[in-house]
Amino acid sequence: RSKFLGVMRSNEARMTEAFTVLAHGIAAEVNRRADRNGAIPRQASFELQQAAAQRVMRFFLGRNRQGQPAPFELLPDGSVFPLSTYMRLLWTGITDATRIPVEQNAAILTKRLPPDVLGSLRVARLNPFQAARAAVREQVFRPNPLAQYEAPHLWVDPNGYQLSDRIWNTAGNTRRRLDAFLDDAIRTGRGALNLQDRGATGIARDLEQFLVPGRALRQTNKPYGINASFDAMRLARTEISRAHAKAAEMSAAMNPFVQGLKWNLSGSHPKPDICDDRAAGGPYPIDNPPTMPAHPHCLCYWSYEMVGDPDAMLDELREDVRKARSELVDLIGPVLVEQFTKLLLSGELDIMRALPETIGVLA
């Protein structure tokens, strides 16, 4: 848990630094168009808004190999390659949060499994998600939940948007808020920052408060809101939380010592909501847990309900090895931390044998 919260804190600190750089860049655009008195001519409004918008969009989007704006590109092996500052920071957080439960389950398995079974799992070659979709009936390590897994960039939210769509929407929202902020500032005569007057206020100084997380303007009744980075920070926190939760669920599905998932409330949980109901309703079966996070900014987390008799489970595993050794050998799981983490992040990393052979093995 402390590692996950550390990932969140690190991401938010890096995001804050990145938004500060963005604010300073837009402030330079403001100062470049100010006259000697610090005023921004009305005729410069459109040009300034366009320059600011370009900086915002570059912050969220890069250019793919076709020269089109995109937050990321998929490499031939199915992995995600970030193309923008925002996506690079977000994907780093998602990757770090995904690895944590994989390493946790690897430690459990390494400690509890006998050398013969552990050795079998360490020579795995098959993508368990592809294998589960090829054979949806229950197999060793309960592969049914694996058949429904979607990697972070492939998951579709209730509005029908994938990650790239959600980043596009966030970029657009940030741009529109910034446009409204600049329009209001110029229309009301707020000039550029006068660097010689440390008590002065102006567009350039207010930009940092407006764009940088946690530095909201005092005005709360403006049409542009009080924090242009709110959507971006909410998206990052929610996506990282979801990746962490799904990694915990998939790792548990590949861990025979875990028989259920317990919903734990975050220590920063402010007031009762749907999370309290879900925490009271557990533990949940591994193949059908409720969706986590339950809402934006949710920091709830899973813990594991372990089997009551590990020795009986080991006897069952040994029998499984004798009856279906090829299946145990082939399915990549948390014991292979690097490979399983890459699979969780790509969903379709094709480094194993072909799918038709998978069907033959598992049928």
Protein backbone atom coordinates (compact mmCIF):
# COMPACT_ATOMS: atom_id res chain seq x y z
CA ARG A 1 0.00 0.00 0.00
CA SER A 2 2.77 2.43 0.88
CA LYS A 3 4.45 1.73 -2.47
CA PHE A 4 1.23 2.50 -4.34
CA LEU A 5 0.74 5.77 -2.47
CA GLY A 6 4.37 6.58 -3.21
CA VAL A 7 3.68 6.11 -6.92
CA MET A 8 0.70 8.48 -6.65
CA ARG A 9 2.72 11.12 -4.82
CA SER A 10 5.57 10.85 -7.30
CA ASN A 11 3.20 11.17 -10.26
CA GLU A 12 1.47 14.21 -8.82
CA ALA A 13 4.80 15.88 -8.05
CA ARG A 14 6.03 15.30 -11.60
CA MET A 15 2.73 16.48 -13.04
CA THR A 16 3.00 19.64 -10.95
CA GLU A 17 6.49 20.30 -12.30
CA ALA A 18 5.32 19.72 -15.88
CA PHE A 19 2.33 22.05 -15.53
CA THR A 20 4.64 24.69 -14.03
CA VAL A 21 6.83 24.53 -17.14
CA LEU A 22 3.71 24.77 -19.30
CA ALA A 23 2.50 27.82 -17.34
CA HIS A 24 5.87 29.55 -17.74
CA GLY A 25 5.81 28.87 -21.49
CA ILE A 26 2.36 30.41 -21.89
CA ALA A 27 3.36 33.32 -19.65
CA ALA A 28 6.22 34.00 -22.06
CA GLU A 29 3.66 34.16 -24.89
CA VAL A 30 1.69 36.71 -22.85
CA ASN A 31 4.70 38.91 -22.11
CA ARG A 32 5.81 38.75 -25.73
CA ARG A 33 2.57 40.43 -26.81
CA ALA A 34 2.33 43.06 -24.07
CA ASP A 35 3.05 46.71 -24.76
CA ARG A 36 5.43 48.85 -22.69
CA ASN A 37 2.76 49.44 -20.07
CA GLY A 38 2.08 45.72 -19.71
CA ALA A 39 -1.32 45.88 -21.39
CA ILE A 40 -2.37 43.20 -23.88
CA PRO A 41 -3.94 44.77 -27.00
CA ARG A 42 -7.35 43.34 -27.86
CA GLN A 43 -6.17 42.61 -31.38
CA ALA A 44 -3.55 40.27 -29.91
CA SER A 45 -6.17 38.19 -28.11
CA PHE A 46 -6.78 35.64 -30.86
CA GLU A 47 -3.09 35.21 -31.63
CA LEU A 48 -2.31 34.72 -27.93
CA GLN A 49 -5.07 32.17 -27.49
CA GLN A 50 -3.84 30.22 -30.51
CA ALA A 51 -0.25 30.21 -29.24
CA ALA A 52 -1.39 29.09 -25.78
CA ALA A 53 -3.63 26.41 -27.27
CA GLN A 54 -0.73 25.00 -29.30
CA ARG A 55 1.37 24.68 -26.17
CA VAL A 56 -1.46 22.94 -24.32
CA MET A 57 -2.09 20.48 -27.12
CA ARG A 58 1.63 19.68 -27.40
CA PHE A 59 1.65 19.02 -23.67
CA PHE A 60 -1.02 16.32 -24.08
CA LEU A 61 -0.37 15.10 -27.64
CA GLY A 62 2.63 14.26 -29.78
CA ARG A 63 2.90 13.13 -33.39
CA ASN A 64 2.72 9.51 -34.48
CA ARG A 65 4.56 7.98 -37.42
CA GLN A 66 1.85 9.23 -39.77
CA GLY A 67 2.35 12.77 -38.49
CA GLN A 68 -1.04 12.86 -36.78
CA PRO A 69 -1.61 14.16 -33.23
CA ALA A 70 -1.80 11.31 -30.69
CA PRO A 71 -0.92 10.79 -27.02
CA PHE A 72 0.85 7.49 -27.70
CA GLU A 73 1.69 4.95 -30.36
CA LEU A 74 1.58 1.16 -30.24
CA LEU A 75 4.83 -0.60 -31.08
CA PRO A 76 4.89 -3.87 -33.05
CA ASP A 77 5.13 -5.92 -29.84
CA GLY A 78 1.92 -4.35 -28.53
CA SER A 79 3.60 -2.05 -26.00
CA VAL A 80 2.73 1.61 -25.55
CA PHE A 81 5.18 4.34 -26.56
CA PRO A 82 4.25 7.77 -25.09
CA LEU A 83 4.43 10.72 -27.48
CA SER A 84 3.77 13.63 -25.12
CA THR A 85 4.86 14.97 -21.75
CA TYR A 86 1.52 14.18 -20.14
CA MET A 87 1.35 10.65 -21.54
CA ARG A 88 4.93 9.91 -20.52
CA LEU A 89 4.19 10.87 -16.92
CA LEU A 90 0.87 9.04 -16.89
CA TRP A 91 2.31 5.84 -18.37
CA THR A 92 5.20 5.87 -15.90
CA GLY A 93 2.65 5.99 -13.07
CA ILE A 94 0.53 3.24 -14.63
CA THR A 95 3.60 1.03 -15.15
CA ASP A 96 4.88 1.50 -11.61
CA ALA A 97 1.43 0.90 -10.10
CA THR A 98 0.92 -2.23 -12.21
CA ARG A 99 4.20 -3.78 -11.12
CA ILE A 100 3.44 -3.55 -7.38
CA PRO A 101 0.75 -6.29 -7.08
CA VAL A 102 2.66 -8.50 -9.53
CA GLU A 103 5.72 -8.37 -7.29
CA GLN A 104 3.53 -8.95 -4.23
CA ASN A 105 2.00 -12.11 -5.69
CA ALA A 106 5.38 -13.28 -6.95
CA ALA A 107 6.65 -13.06 -3.37
CA ILE A 108 3.69 -15.08 -2.09
CA LEU A 109 4.17 -17.79 -4.70
CA THR A 110 7.94 -17.94 -4.25
CA LYS A 111 7.53 -18.36 -0.51
CA ARG A 112 4.78 -21.00 -0.59
CA LEU A 113 5.35 -23.12 -3.69
CA PRO A 114 7.59 -26.18 -3.61
CA PRO A 115 10.60 -26.11 -5.95
CA ASP A 116 9.07 -28.50 -8.52
CA VAL A 117 5.91 -26.43 -9.06
CA LEU A 118 7.79 -23.14 -8.86
CA GLY A 119 10.25 -24.40 -11.43
CA SER A 120 7.36 -25.23 -13.76
CA LEU A 121 5.96 -21.73 -13.51
CA ARG A 122 9.32 -20.15 -14.24
CA VAL A 123 9.54 -21.63 -17.73
CA ALA A 124 6.13 -20.33 -18.93
CA ARG A 125 5.73 -19.34 -22.56
CA LEU A 126 2.03 -18.66 -23.19
CA ASN A 127 0.05 -15.43 -22.91
CA PRO A 128 -2.56 -16.31 -20.24
CA PHE A 129 -5.07 -13.75 -21.55
CA GLN A 130 -4.99 -15.21 -25.05
CA ALA A 131 -5.16 -18.71 -23.61
CA ALA A 132 -8.13 -17.84 -21.40
CA ARG A 133 -10.05 -16.40 -24.32
CA ALA A 134 -9.31 -19.53 -26.31
CA ALA A 135 -10.63 -21.80 -23.56
CA VAL A 136 -13.16 -19.95 -21.42
CA ARG A 137 -14.13 -22.91 -19.31
CA GLU A 138 -12.40 -22.92 -15.89
CA GLN A 139 -8.84 -24.14 -15.93
CA VAL A 140 -5.93 -24.24 -13.51
CA PHE A 141 -5.54 -20.85 -11.75
CA ARG A 142 -9.11 -19.86 -12.73
CA PRO A 143 -8.47 -18.23 -16.13
CA ASN A 144 -12.03 -16.93 -16.65
CA PRO A 145 -11.33 -13.41 -15.29
CA LEU A 146 -8.24 -13.31 -17.50
CA ALA A 147 -10.44 -13.68 -20.57
CA GLN A 148 -12.11 -10.35 -19.78
CA TYR A 149 -8.94 -8.38 -19.10
CA GLU A 150 -8.30 -5.15 -21.01
CA ALA A 151 -4.93 -3.40 -20.89
CA PRO A 152 -4.92 0.23 -19.62
CA HIS A 153 -4.87 1.73 -23.12
CA LEU A 154 -7.60 -0.63 -24.38
CA TRP A 155 -10.12 -0.29 -21.54
CA VAL A 156 -13.37 1.36 -22.62
CA ASP A 157 -15.10 3.57 -20.04
CA PRO A 158 -18.90 3.78 -19.63
CA ASN A 159 -18.97 6.61 -22.19
CA GLY A 160 -17.32 4.42 -24.80
CA TYR A 161 -13.90 6.12 -24.66
CA GLN A 162 -10.49 4.47 -24.62
CA LEU A 163 -7.46 6.09 -23.00
CA SER A 164 -6.48 8.05 -26.12
CA ASP A 165 -10.01 9.48 -26.30
CA ARG A 166 -9.97 10.42 -22.64
CA ILE A 167 -6.67 12.26 -23.06
CA TRP A 168 -7.99 14.09 -26.15
CA ASN A 169 -11.06 15.15 -24.16
CA THR A 170 -8.91 16.33 -21.25
CA ALA A 171 -6.68 18.32 -23.60
CA GLY A 172 -9.75 19.96 -25.13
CA ASN A 173 -11.20 20.82 -21.74
CA THR A 174 -7.90 22.36 -20.61
CA ARG A 175 -7.65 24.38 -23.82
CA ARG A 176 -11.20 25.70 -23.51
CA ARG A 177 -10.67 26.75 -19.90
CA LEU A 178 -7.44 28.49 -20.82
CA ASP A 179 -9.13 30.27 -23.75
CA ALA A 180 -11.85 31.55 -21.43
CA PHE A 181 -9.27 32.59 -18.83
CA LEU A 182 -7.22 34.58 -21.35
CA ASP A 183 -10.28 36.15 -22.93
CA ASP A 184 -11.57 37.30 -19.54
CA ALA A 185 -8.15 38.60 -18.47
CA ILE A 186 -7.64 40.66 -21.62
CA ARG A 187 -11.24 41.90 -21.73
CA THR A 188 -11.08 43.13 -18.13
CA GLY A 189 -7.75 44.88 -18.71
CA ARG A 190 -5.54 42.68 -16.57
CA GLY A 191 -2.09 43.26 -18.01
CA ALA A 192 1.00 41.10 -18.27
CA LEU A 193 3.11 40.69 -15.17
CA ASN A 194 5.29 43.72 -14.42
CA LEU A 195 8.48 42.11 -13.22
CA GLN A 196 9.68 45.38 -11.68
CA ASP A 197 6.69 45.53 -9.33
CA ARG A 198 6.68 42.53 -7.03
CA GLY A 199 3.24 43.46 -5.72
CA ALA A 200 1.66 43.52 -9.16
CA THR A 201 -0.73 40.94 -10.44
CA GLY A 202 -1.26 40.07 -14.03
CA ILE A 203 -2.06 37.38 -16.55
CA ALA A 204 1.40 35.82 -16.42
CA ARG A 205 1.39 35.48 -12.65
CA ASP A 206 -2.18 34.20 -12.50
CA LEU A 207 -1.42 31.62 -15.20
CA GLU A 208 0.72 29.60 -12.81
CA GLN A 209 -2.04 29.60 -10.22
CA PHE A 210 -4.55 28.63 -12.88
CA LEU A 211 -2.56 25.83 -14.52
CA VAL A 212 -0.50 24.30 -11.73
CA PRO A 213 -2.29 21.73 -9.54
CA GLY A 214 -3.06 22.96 -6.04
CA ARG A 215 -2.54 26.65 -6.83
CA ALA A 216 -6.13 27.65 -7.62
CA LEU A 217 -7.14 31.26 -8.12
CA ARG A 218 -9.18 33.02 -5.48
CA GLN A 219 -11.98 33.79 -7.91
CA THR A 220 -14.50 30.93 -7.95
CA ASN A 221 -17.29 32.47 -10.03
CA LYS A 222 -15.46 32.83 -13.31
CA PRO A 223 -16.61 30.89 -16.39
CA TYR A 224 -13.25 29.19 -16.72
CA GLY A 225 -13.31 27.67 -13.22
CA ILE A 226 -10.43 27.80 -10.79
CA ASN A 227 -8.01 25.09 -11.94
CA ALA A 228 -7.24 24.22 -15.56
CA SER A 229 -5.26 21.12 -14.57
CA PHE A 230 -8.11 19.55 -12.56
CA ASP A 231 -9.28 17.22 -15.36
CA ALA A 232 -5.74 16.12 -16.15
CA MET A 233 -4.91 15.31 -12.55
CA ARG A 234 -8.21 13.51 -12.02
CA LEU A 235 -7.66 11.42 -15.15
CA ALA A 236 -4.12 10.48 -14.08
CA ARG A 237 -5.14 9.49 -10.57
CA THR A 238 -8.09 7.42 -11.82
CA GLU A 239 -6.12 5.65 -14.55
CA ILE A 240 -3.26 4.77 -12.21
CA SER A 241 -5.69 3.49 -9.57
CA ARG A 242 -7.52 1.37 -12.10
CA ALA A 243 -4.30 -0.14 -13.50
CA HIS A 244 -3.18 -1.01 -9.98
CA ALA A 245 -6.54 -2.62 -9.11
CA LYS A 246 -6.69 -4.66 -12.33
CA ALA A 247 -3.11 -5.86 -11.85
CA ALA A 248 -4.07 -7.02 -8.35
CA GLU A 249 -7.12 -8.87 -9.71
CA MET A 250 -5.21 -10.57 -12.53
CA SER A 251 -2.30 -11.50 -10.28
CA ALA A 252 -4.73 -12.99 -7.77
CA ALA A 253 -6.38 -14.96 -10.56
CA MET A 254 -2.99 -16.55 -11.26
CA ASN A 255 -2.25 -17.22 -7.58
CA PRO A 256 -3.79 -20.48 -6.27
CA PHE A 257 -3.33 -19.35 -2.66
CA VAL A 258 -5.75 -16.43 -3.08
CA GLN A 259 -9.44 -17.29 -2.85
CA GLY A 260 -11.02 -13.84 -2.58
CA LEU A 261 -10.56 -10.08 -2.77
CA LYS A 262 -11.28 -7.64 0.05
CA TRP A 263 -12.22 -4.02 -0.70
CA ASN A 264 -10.31 -1.63 1.58
CA LEU A 265 -11.22 2.02 2.06
CA SER A 266 -8.55 4.61 1.51
CA GLY A 267 -7.28 6.44 4.57
CA SER A 268 -8.21 9.69 2.84
CA HIS A 269 -11.80 8.57 2.30
CA PRO A 270 -13.70 11.80 3.16
CA LYS A 271 -17.31 10.66 3.64
CA PRO A 272 -19.52 7.58 3.15
CA ASP A 273 -20.32 6.68 -0.45
CA ILE A 274 -20.50 3.62 -2.71
CA CYS A 275 -17.04 2.56 -1.53
CA ASP A 276 -18.38 1.94 1.99
CA ASP A 277 -21.01 -0.42 0.58
CA ARG A 278 -18.41 -2.31 -1.41
CA ALA A 279 -16.06 -2.58 1.54
CA ALA A 280 -18.91 -4.03 3.62
CA GLY A 281 -19.90 -6.48 0.90
CA GLY A 282 -16.64 -8.40 0.58
CA PRO A 283 -14.72 -10.56 0.28
CA TYR A 284 -15.49 -10.99 -3.39
CA PRO A 285 -14.84 -13.98 -5.65
CA ILE A 286 -11.81 -13.58 -7.87
CA ASP A 287 -13.80 -14.17 -11.04
CA ASN A 288 -16.41 -11.46 -10.34
CA PRO A 289 -15.18 -8.51 -8.24
CA PRO A 290 -16.87 -5.10 -8.42
CA THR A 291 -15.22 -2.37 -10.48
CA MET A 292 -12.38 -0.51 -8.78
CA PRO A 293 -11.99 2.46 -8.65
CA ALA A 294 -15.64 3.15 -7.97
CA HIS A 295 -15.42 6.85 -8.84
CA PRO A 296 -12.86 9.48 -9.92
CA HIS A 297 -10.15 10.16 -7.32
CA CYS A 298 -10.96 6.83 -5.61
CA LEU A 299 -7.91 5.47 -3.77
CA CYS A 300 -9.47 2.29 -2.38
CA TYR A 301 -7.43 -0.87 -2.79
CA TRP A 302 -7.65 -4.67 -2.78
CA SER A 303 -6.21 -7.02 -0.20
CA TYR A 304 -6.27 -10.81 -0.49
CA GLU A 305 -8.23 -13.50 1.32
CA MET A 306 -5.90 -16.47 1.42
CA VAL A 307 -6.88 -20.15 1.34
CA GLY A 308 -7.34 -21.79 4.72
CA ASP A 309 -5.20 -24.89 4.09
CA PRO A 310 -2.06 -24.18 2.02
CA ASP A 311 -0.87 -27.80 2.36
CA ALA A 312 -4.04 -29.10 0.72
CA MET A 313 -3.57 -26.57 -2.05
CA LEU A 314 -0.01 -27.80 -2.61
CA ASP A 315 -1.23 -31.40 -2.91
CA GLU A 316 -3.80 -30.24 -5.47
CA LEU A 317 -1.14 -28.36 -7.39
CA ARG A 318 1.12 -31.39 -7.56
CA GLU A 319 -1.75 -33.43 -8.92
CA ASP A 320 -2.41 -30.72 -11.49
CA VAL A 321 1.23 -30.84 -12.53
CA ARG A 322 0.97 -34.56 -13.15
CA LYS A 323 -2.32 -34.31 -15.04
CA ALA A 324 -1.73 -31.12 -17.02
CA ARG A 325 1.92 -30.26 -16.71
CA SER A 326 2.05 -28.53 -20.09
CA GLU A 327 -0.65 -26.08 -19.00
CA LEU A 328 1.17 -25.13 -15.81
CA VAL A 329 4.44 -24.75 -17.66
CA ASP A 330 3.00 -22.65 -20.46
CA LEU A 331 0.88 -20.00 -18.73
CA ILE A 332 2.89 -16.92 -17.76
CA GLY A 333 1.99 -15.70 -14.27
CA PRO A 334 3.22 -13.32 -11.55
CA VAL A 335 6.30 -15.45 -10.81
CA LEU A 336 7.68 -14.05 -14.07
CA VAL A 337 7.42 -10.45 -12.89
CA GLU A 338 8.80 -8.70 -15.97
CA GLN A 339 6.86 -10.73 -18.53
CA PHE A 340 3.57 -10.66 -16.63
CA THR A 341 3.85 -6.90 -16.04
CA LYS A 342 4.45 -6.36 -19.76
CA LEU A 343 1.44 -8.49 -20.56
CA LEU A 344 -0.74 -6.45 -18.22
CA LEU A 345 0.43 -3.25 -19.91
CA SER A 346 0.07 -4.47 -23.48
CA GLY A 347 -2.64 -7.14 -23.28
CA GLU A 348 -1.48 -8.83 -26.47
CA LEU A 349 2.30 -9.08 -26.24
CA ASP A 350 2.98 -11.90 -28.69
CA ILE A 351 6.17 -13.50 -27.40
CA MET A 352 4.74 -16.99 -26.88
CA ARG A 353 3.75 -19.83 -29.16
CA ALA A 354 0.85 -19.41 -31.59
CA LEU A 355 -2.75 -19.37 -30.42
CA PRO A 356 -3.87 -22.54 -32.29
CA GLU A 357 -1.38 -24.50 -30.21
CA THR A 358 -2.84 -22.85 -27.09
CA ILE A 359 -6.26 -24.19 -27.95
CA GLY A 360 -4.81 -27.65 -28.34
CA VAL A 361 -3.04 -27.49 -24.99
CA LEU A 362 -6.02 -26.23 -23.00
CA ALA A 363 -8.93 -27.99 -24.69
